[in-house]
Amino acid sequence: MDLSLTEEQRDLRDAVRSLLAKASGSEAVRAAMASPSGRDDALWRQLTEDLGLTELSVPEAFGGAGATFAEVAVVLEEAGAALLPGPYASTVVVAEVLTRFGRTDLLPALGDGAVGALAQREPGDRSWPPRVGCVASRNACSWLLTGVQAAVIDGGAADLLLVAAVDGGVEALFAVAGDAAGLSRAALPLMDQTRRAADLRLERVPAERVGGPDAVAFARDVAAVAAACEAVGTARRALDCTVEHLRTRVQFGRVLGSFQGLRHRTADLFTAVEAAASTARYAAQVVATASEQLPVVAPLAKLVCAQALTSVAGEAIQLHGGIAITWEHDAHLWFKRAAHVAHTGGSPEQLRRQLAPAAGL
């Protein structure tokens, strides 16, 4: 499989990178973090309504660009590099799931800047997910969800939620409108302040069935790949900034980058980031081609990329010295994003336990 970017993907990357460099610099990120919505609403409209980036992989017949998740991954990496505050990853995951499981009738609900979010248990979570009730009428069955789903990323702002709930003893995936009766949300602060989360409480909330256990598993895997792609972007940006610091900072009468020990450390980080980038890009191709490898590749990509970002973010603080612990520097934002990625959607230990049986180990 050729993992190099196509000409169209490079053009997409350059366009998104240029936009985010202008509109989502450090000051803009901090302003968005402090805003009620947790995002730059004007930038969000540009990304969604003007550029249609949340509908990249949606078929053209349903108002999308007709691209694949490989193109979505290009945008996710740039969003990670810019620490984009906003629900881009959550929304494209929801769009991918709806497209894959034929619920194209729900895709218009994600148009024009609407937000999607995925509400399901973390791997290894033993709590009970929401449960399904059915109210039968003459021609159909109306699904009603009751229960709690904790710490849903972007759940507070979601216009459309995909909720994993127990149906007949197994988990299934249901679509819930953000303004549905019986749905309440409570904001949940996170260590990574570029992210927003909410606890959801559902009391006989009307829902539409998207799919069974296979839909739940697919949604979890696509979310893991999206997180991996964003982690690569953040890691690459953190490493580039660290190398630039070592090239220009003078200590003991020498540029820091001239010390062999520091060169070795950054070389190791570069190797880790490039390996993570290849892993994430391969995983995105697997999503795009509907390969049966996804249950193995997705947790592996999340594991490799989260560990790479954790290593780079930690070393970036060390190599920047005292300036890295100031509020004005981005190093603490990289570190918080690394902690968020590492412990959302499965910790490294949980992912290894998930990966082993999927890989036949």
Protein backbone atom coordinates (compact mmCIF):
# COMPACT_ATOMS: atom_id res chain seq x y z
CA MET A 1 0.00 0.00 0.00
CA ASP A 2 1.38 3.39 -1.05
CA LEU A 3 1.23 5.69 1.98
CA SER A 4 2.54 8.82 0.26
CA LEU A 5 0.08 11.68 -0.20
CA THR A 6 -1.47 12.18 -3.60
CA GLU A 7 -1.27 15.55 -5.31
CA GLU A 8 -4.88 16.30 -4.30
CA GLN A 9 -4.14 15.35 -0.69
CA ARG A 10 -1.08 17.59 -0.62
CA ASP A 11 -3.17 20.46 -1.96
CA LEU A 12 -5.78 19.79 0.73
CA ARG A 13 -3.10 19.67 3.43
CA ASP A 14 -1.53 22.93 2.27
CA ALA A 15 -4.89 24.72 2.12
CA VAL A 16 -5.93 23.60 5.60
CA ARG A 17 -2.48 24.31 7.03
CA SER A 18 -2.48 27.82 5.59
CA LEU A 19 -5.94 28.55 6.98
CA LEU A 20 -5.17 27.24 10.45
CA ALA A 21 -1.82 29.06 10.57
CA LYS A 22 -3.69 32.32 10.12
CA ALA A 23 -6.82 31.61 12.14
CA SER A 24 -5.76 29.13 14.83
CA GLY A 25 -2.46 30.35 16.25
CA SER A 26 -1.61 30.22 19.95
CA GLU A 27 -3.56 33.35 20.86
CA ALA A 28 -6.62 32.19 18.93
CA VAL A 29 -6.49 28.77 20.58
CA ARG A 30 -6.40 30.34 24.05
CA ALA A 31 -9.26 32.67 23.17
CA ALA A 32 -11.33 29.73 21.99
CA MET A 33 -10.50 27.78 25.15
CA ALA A 34 -11.91 30.64 27.23
CA SER A 35 -15.05 31.10 25.13
CA PRO A 36 -18.45 29.64 26.13
CA SER A 37 -18.53 27.30 23.11
CA GLY A 38 -14.90 26.22 23.43
CA ARG A 39 -14.26 27.01 19.79
CA ASP A 40 -13.81 29.87 17.33
CA ASP A 41 -17.29 29.98 15.82
CA ALA A 42 -16.18 31.98 12.79
CA LEU A 43 -13.41 29.47 12.03
CA TRP A 44 -15.82 26.58 12.54
CA ARG A 45 -18.15 28.09 9.93
CA GLN A 46 -15.21 28.40 7.53
CA LEU A 47 -14.23 24.78 8.02
CA THR A 48 -17.75 23.42 7.71
CA GLU A 49 -20.01 25.70 5.68
CA ASP A 50 -17.37 27.26 3.40
CA LEU A 51 -14.94 24.36 2.91
CA GLY A 52 -17.22 21.43 3.76
CA LEU A 53 -14.46 19.63 5.66
CA THR A 54 -16.84 17.71 7.93
CA GLU A 55 -18.47 16.19 4.84
CA LEU A 56 -15.34 15.15 2.96
CA SER A 57 -16.14 11.44 3.00
CA VAL A 58 -19.88 11.87 2.50
CA PRO A 59 -21.05 10.80 -0.99
CA GLU A 60 -21.71 13.61 -3.42
CA ALA A 61 -25.30 12.45 -3.81
CA PHE A 62 -25.87 13.46 -0.18
CA GLY A 63 -24.14 16.82 -0.29
CA GLY A 64 -20.60 15.71 0.50
CA ALA A 65 -17.30 15.84 -1.38
CA GLY A 66 -17.25 12.13 -2.24
CA ALA A 67 -13.71 11.69 -0.89
CA THR A 68 -12.57 9.02 1.60
CA PHE A 69 -11.37 8.81 5.16
CA ALA A 70 -7.81 9.09 3.83
CA GLU A 71 -8.57 12.72 2.96
CA VAL A 72 -10.27 13.23 6.32
CA ALA A 73 -7.07 11.98 7.97
CA VAL A 74 -5.08 14.71 6.21
CA VAL A 75 -7.32 17.35 7.79
CA LEU A 76 -7.22 15.62 11.18
CA GLU A 77 -3.43 15.75 11.23
CA GLU A 78 -3.46 19.49 10.50
CA ALA A 79 -6.15 20.02 13.15
CA GLY A 80 -3.94 18.20 15.64
CA ALA A 81 -0.93 20.30 14.70
CA ALA A 82 -2.91 23.49 15.31
CA LEU A 83 -4.53 22.10 18.50
CA LEU A 84 -7.78 23.10 16.84
CA PRO A 85 -10.38 23.69 19.57
CA GLY A 86 -13.59 22.34 18.16
CA PRO A 87 -15.57 19.20 17.42
CA TYR A 88 -14.04 18.35 14.05
CA ALA A 89 -12.89 14.82 14.92
CA SER A 90 -16.16 13.92 16.63
CA THR A 91 -18.24 15.15 13.71
CA VAL A 92 -16.30 13.35 10.98
CA VAL A 93 -16.43 10.10 12.95
CA VAL A 94 -20.23 10.36 13.15
CA ALA A 95 -20.43 11.14 9.42
CA GLU A 96 -18.25 8.12 8.57
CA VAL A 97 -20.38 5.76 10.67
CA LEU A 98 -23.66 7.00 9.20
CA THR A 99 -22.28 6.66 5.67
CA ARG A 100 -20.90 3.17 6.25
CA PHE A 101 -24.14 1.86 7.75
CA GLY A 102 -26.42 3.37 5.17
CA ARG A 103 -28.09 5.97 7.36
CA THR A 104 -27.62 8.66 4.74
CA ASP A 105 -31.03 10.06 5.70
CA LEU A 106 -29.37 11.38 8.87
CA LEU A 107 -26.42 13.03 7.11
CA PRO A 108 -28.24 16.31 6.36
CA ALA A 109 -28.42 16.84 10.13
CA LEU A 110 -24.63 17.27 10.05
CA GLY A 111 -24.66 19.95 7.36
CA ASP A 112 -24.12 23.68 7.73
CA GLY A 113 -21.87 23.60 10.76
CA ALA A 114 -23.79 21.06 12.85
CA VAL A 115 -21.85 19.02 15.41
CA GLY A 116 -21.82 15.25 15.83
CA ALA A 117 -20.60 13.26 18.84
CA LEU A 118 -20.09 9.62 19.72
CA ALA A 119 -21.34 8.44 23.12
CA GLN A 120 -20.08 5.00 24.12
CA ARG A 121 -18.23 3.33 26.96
CA GLU A 122 -14.48 3.39 27.26
CA PRO A 123 -12.75 0.01 26.67
CA GLY A 124 -12.76 -1.87 29.94
CA ASP A 125 -15.55 0.27 31.43
CA ARG A 126 -17.80 -2.05 33.46
CA SER A 127 -20.59 0.49 33.99
CA TRP A 128 -23.98 -0.11 32.41
CA PRO A 129 -24.61 1.81 29.20
CA PRO A 130 -28.07 3.24 28.42
CA ARG A 131 -30.76 0.65 27.81
CA VAL A 132 -33.33 0.45 25.05
CA GLY A 133 -37.09 0.35 25.37
CA CYS A 134 -39.50 -0.07 22.48
CA VAL A 135 -42.92 1.51 22.12
CA ALA A 136 -44.78 -0.39 19.43
CA SER A 137 -47.30 1.24 17.15
CA ARG A 138 -49.29 -0.22 14.29
CA ASN A 139 -46.57 0.22 11.65
CA ALA A 140 -43.32 0.71 13.52
CA CYS A 141 -41.37 0.52 16.76
CA SER A 142 -40.14 3.71 18.40
CA TRP A 143 -36.88 3.27 20.29
CA LEU A 144 -36.50 4.98 23.66
CA LEU A 145 -33.14 5.21 25.47
CA THR A 146 -32.76 5.48 29.23
CA GLY A 147 -29.50 5.73 31.16
CA VAL A 148 -26.29 7.71 31.57
CA GLN A 149 -23.30 8.09 29.28
CA ALA A 150 -20.37 9.80 31.00
CA ALA A 151 -17.63 12.05 29.61
CA VAL A 152 -18.85 12.31 26.03
CA ILE A 153 -16.36 14.38 24.02
CA ASP A 154 -18.20 17.27 22.34
CA GLY A 155 -21.44 15.89 23.77
CA GLY A 156 -22.50 19.24 25.16
CA ALA A 157 -22.62 20.91 21.74
CA ALA A 158 -23.73 17.96 19.62
CA ASP A 159 -26.68 18.40 17.27
CA LEU A 160 -26.62 14.67 16.54
CA LEU A 161 -25.42 11.98 18.94
CA LEU A 162 -24.58 8.36 18.21
CA VAL A 163 -25.27 6.54 21.46
CA ALA A 164 -24.28 2.95 22.24
CA ALA A 165 -27.05 1.28 24.22
CA VAL A 166 -28.01 -2.25 25.29
CA ASP A 167 -30.66 -3.77 23.03
CA GLY A 168 -31.70 -7.33 23.80
CA GLY A 169 -28.54 -8.06 25.77
CA VAL A 170 -26.08 -6.69 23.20
CA GLU A 171 -24.89 -3.20 22.41
CA ALA A 172 -26.32 -1.39 19.40
CA LEU A 173 -25.84 2.12 18.04
CA PHE A 174 -28.64 4.68 18.01
CA ALA A 175 -28.94 8.20 16.63
CA VAL A 176 -30.33 10.85 18.99
CA ALA A 177 -31.15 14.44 18.08
CA GLY A 178 -29.44 17.03 20.24
CA ASP A 179 -32.76 18.66 21.08
CA ALA A 180 -34.59 15.41 21.85
CA ALA A 181 -37.01 15.38 24.76
CA GLY A 182 -35.62 13.71 27.86
CA LEU A 183 -31.96 14.44 27.02
CA SER A 184 -29.99 16.50 29.52
CA ARG A 185 -26.29 17.34 29.56
CA ALA A 186 -23.85 18.51 32.23
CA ALA A 187 -20.54 20.08 31.26
CA LEU A 188 -17.44 18.18 32.39
CA PRO A 189 -14.09 20.01 32.64
CA LEU A 190 -11.08 18.28 31.11
CA MET A 191 -7.34 18.55 31.61
CA ASP A 192 -7.03 19.33 27.90
CA GLN A 193 -8.80 22.66 27.75
CA THR A 194 -8.93 22.59 23.96
CA ARG A 195 -11.54 19.84 24.36
CA ARG A 196 -15.06 19.94 25.77
CA ALA A 197 -17.01 17.06 27.27
CA ALA A 198 -20.35 16.45 28.93
CA ASP A 199 -22.16 13.80 30.92
CA LEU A 200 -25.40 12.75 29.21
CA ARG A 201 -28.55 11.66 30.99
CA LEU A 202 -31.29 10.04 28.93
CA GLU A 203 -34.86 9.54 30.17
CA ARG A 204 -36.91 7.72 27.52
CA VAL A 205 -35.22 9.67 24.74
CA PRO A 206 -36.52 8.95 21.21
CA ALA A 207 -33.83 7.39 19.00
CA GLU A 208 -33.28 5.78 15.60
CA ARG A 209 -31.35 2.55 15.25
CA VAL A 210 -28.16 2.83 13.18
CA GLY A 211 -26.77 -0.67 13.60
CA GLY A 212 -25.94 -3.52 15.93
CA PRO A 213 -22.70 -4.58 17.63
CA ASP A 214 -20.82 -4.22 14.35
CA ALA A 215 -21.77 -0.54 14.21
CA VAL A 216 -20.63 -0.02 17.81
CA ALA A 217 -17.28 -1.68 17.05
CA PHE A 218 -16.82 0.26 13.81
CA ALA A 219 -17.56 3.58 15.52
CA ARG A 220 -15.03 2.80 18.25
CA ASP A 221 -12.39 1.86 15.67
CA VAL A 222 -12.92 4.96 13.51
CA ALA A 223 -12.72 7.17 16.61
CA ALA A 224 -9.42 5.50 17.51
CA VAL A 225 -8.01 6.16 14.03
CA ALA A 226 -9.16 9.79 14.15
CA ALA A 227 -7.43 10.23 17.52
CA ALA A 228 -4.25 8.67 16.10
CA CYS A 229 -4.21 11.08 13.14
CA GLU A 230 -4.66 14.11 15.38
CA ALA A 231 -1.94 12.84 17.73
CA VAL A 232 0.52 12.63 14.83
CA GLY A 233 -0.15 16.25 13.92
CA THR A 234 0.36 17.44 17.49
CA ALA A 235 3.53 15.37 17.90
CA ARG A 236 4.99 16.67 14.65
CA ARG A 237 4.30 20.29 15.60
CA ALA A 238 5.77 19.81 19.08
CA LEU A 239 8.91 18.23 17.61
CA ASP A 240 9.34 20.94 14.96
CA CYS A 241 9.07 23.68 17.58
CA THR A 242 11.51 21.87 19.86
CA VAL A 243 14.09 21.43 17.10
CA GLU A 244 13.76 25.11 16.19
CA HIS A 245 14.36 26.03 19.83
CA LEU A 246 17.50 23.88 19.95
CA ARG A 247 18.77 25.52 16.75
CA THR A 248 18.47 29.04 18.14
CA ARG A 249 18.90 28.83 21.92
CA VAL A 250 22.45 29.47 23.14
CA GLN A 251 23.78 28.09 26.42
CA PHE A 252 27.37 27.79 27.64
CA GLY A 253 28.44 29.75 24.57
CA ARG A 254 27.03 27.17 22.17
CA VAL A 255 23.78 26.54 20.34
CA LEU A 256 21.90 23.80 22.22
CA GLY A 257 21.49 21.79 19.05
CA SER A 258 25.24 21.35 18.82
CA PHE A 259 25.28 19.05 21.87
CA GLN A 260 25.40 15.44 20.71
CA GLY A 261 23.23 14.14 23.55
CA LEU A 262 20.38 16.47 22.58
CA ARG A 263 20.76 15.50 18.93
CA HIS A 264 20.37 11.85 19.86
CA ARG A 265 17.20 12.58 21.83
CA THR A 266 15.58 14.52 18.99
CA ALA A 267 16.61 11.86 16.47
CA ASP A 268 14.80 9.23 18.56
CA LEU A 269 11.73 11.47 18.69
CA PHE A 270 11.82 11.98 14.92
CA THR A 271 11.89 8.21 14.40
CA ALA A 272 8.92 7.75 16.73
CA VAL A 273 6.88 10.46 14.99
CA GLU A 274 7.57 9.11 11.50
CA ALA A 275 6.64 5.58 12.59
CA ALA A 276 3.44 6.92 14.13
CA ALA A 277 2.62 8.91 10.99
CA SER A 278 2.97 5.80 8.81
CA THR A 279 0.82 3.79 11.21
CA ALA A 280 -1.94 6.42 11.30
CA ARG A 281 -1.92 6.86 7.53
CA TYR A 282 -2.19 3.11 7.02
CA ALA A 283 -5.08 2.93 9.48
CA ALA A 284 -6.88 5.73 7.62
CA GLN A 285 -6.46 3.79 4.38
CA VAL A 286 -7.91 0.72 6.08
CA VAL A 287 -10.99 2.74 7.08
CA ALA A 288 -11.26 4.12 3.54
CA THR A 289 -11.09 0.68 1.90
CA ALA A 290 -13.41 -1.04 4.40
CA SER A 291 -10.70 -3.60 5.11
CA GLU A 292 -11.31 -6.42 7.58
CA GLN A 293 -8.02 -5.45 9.22
CA LEU A 294 -9.65 -2.50 11.01
CA PRO A 295 -10.26 -4.22 14.40
CA VAL A 296 -6.51 -4.86 14.63
CA VAL A 297 -5.16 -1.75 12.94
CA ALA A 298 -7.32 0.81 14.77
CA PRO A 299 -6.26 0.09 18.38
CA LEU A 300 -2.68 -0.42 17.19
CA ALA A 301 -2.64 3.02 15.53
CA LYS A 302 -4.14 4.66 18.61
CA LEU A 303 -1.58 2.94 20.85
CA VAL A 304 1.48 3.79 18.71
CA CYS A 305 0.47 7.39 18.05
CA ALA A 306 -0.55 8.12 21.64
CA GLN A 307 2.79 6.81 22.90
CA ALA A 308 4.70 8.85 20.33
CA LEU A 309 2.87 12.03 21.33
CA THR A 310 3.43 11.31 25.03
CA SER A 311 7.17 10.91 24.43
CA VAL A 312 7.47 14.04 22.30
CA ALA A 313 5.37 16.20 24.63
CA GLY A 314 7.38 15.15 27.67
CA GLU A 315 10.72 15.70 25.97
CA ALA A 316 9.56 19.04 24.57
CA ILE A 317 9.08 20.34 28.11
CA GLN A 318 12.52 19.10 29.14
CA LEU A 319 14.30 20.44 26.06
CA HIS A 320 12.64 23.85 26.18
CA GLY A 321 13.67 24.33 29.79
CA GLY A 322 11.92 26.79 32.11
CA ILE A 323 9.96 28.55 29.38
CA ALA A 324 7.99 25.37 28.72
CA ILE A 325 6.10 25.56 32.01
CA THR A 326 4.79 29.07 31.39
CA TRP A 327 1.18 29.68 30.35
CA GLU A 328 2.35 31.57 27.25
CA HIS A 329 4.19 28.61 25.76
CA ASP A 330 2.40 25.81 23.88
CA ALA A 331 4.40 23.02 25.52
CA HIS A 332 1.88 22.56 28.32
CA LEU A 333 -0.92 22.38 25.74
CA TRP A 334 0.92 19.60 23.88
CA PHE A 335 1.41 17.76 27.16
CA LYS A 336 -2.27 18.05 28.11
CA ARG A 337 -3.34 16.90 24.67
CA ALA A 338 -1.01 13.91 25.02
CA ALA A 339 -2.59 12.98 28.36
CA HIS A 340 -6.05 13.32 26.87
CA VAL A 341 -5.25 11.12 23.86
CA ALA A 342 -3.52 8.49 25.98
CA HIS A 343 -6.44 8.03 28.36
CA THR A 344 -9.49 8.63 26.14
CA GLY A 345 -10.73 5.80 23.98
CA GLY A 346 -8.67 3.32 25.95
CA SER A 347 -5.46 3.53 27.95
CA PRO A 348 -2.34 1.79 26.58
CA GLU A 349 -3.02 -1.22 28.81
CA GLN A 350 -6.66 -1.46 27.73
CA LEU A 351 -5.72 -1.15 24.07
CA ARG A 352 -3.20 -3.97 24.38
CA ARG A 353 -5.87 -6.19 25.93
CA GLN A 354 -8.23 -5.26 23.10
CA LEU A 355 -5.58 -5.75 20.45
CA ALA A 356 -4.32 -9.18 21.51
CA PRO A 357 -7.45 -11.25 20.77
CA ALA A 358 -8.20 -9.21 17.63
CA ALA A 359 -4.71 -10.09 16.36
CA GLY A 360 -5.10 -13.74 17.35
CA LEU A 361 -2.48 -13.54 20.10
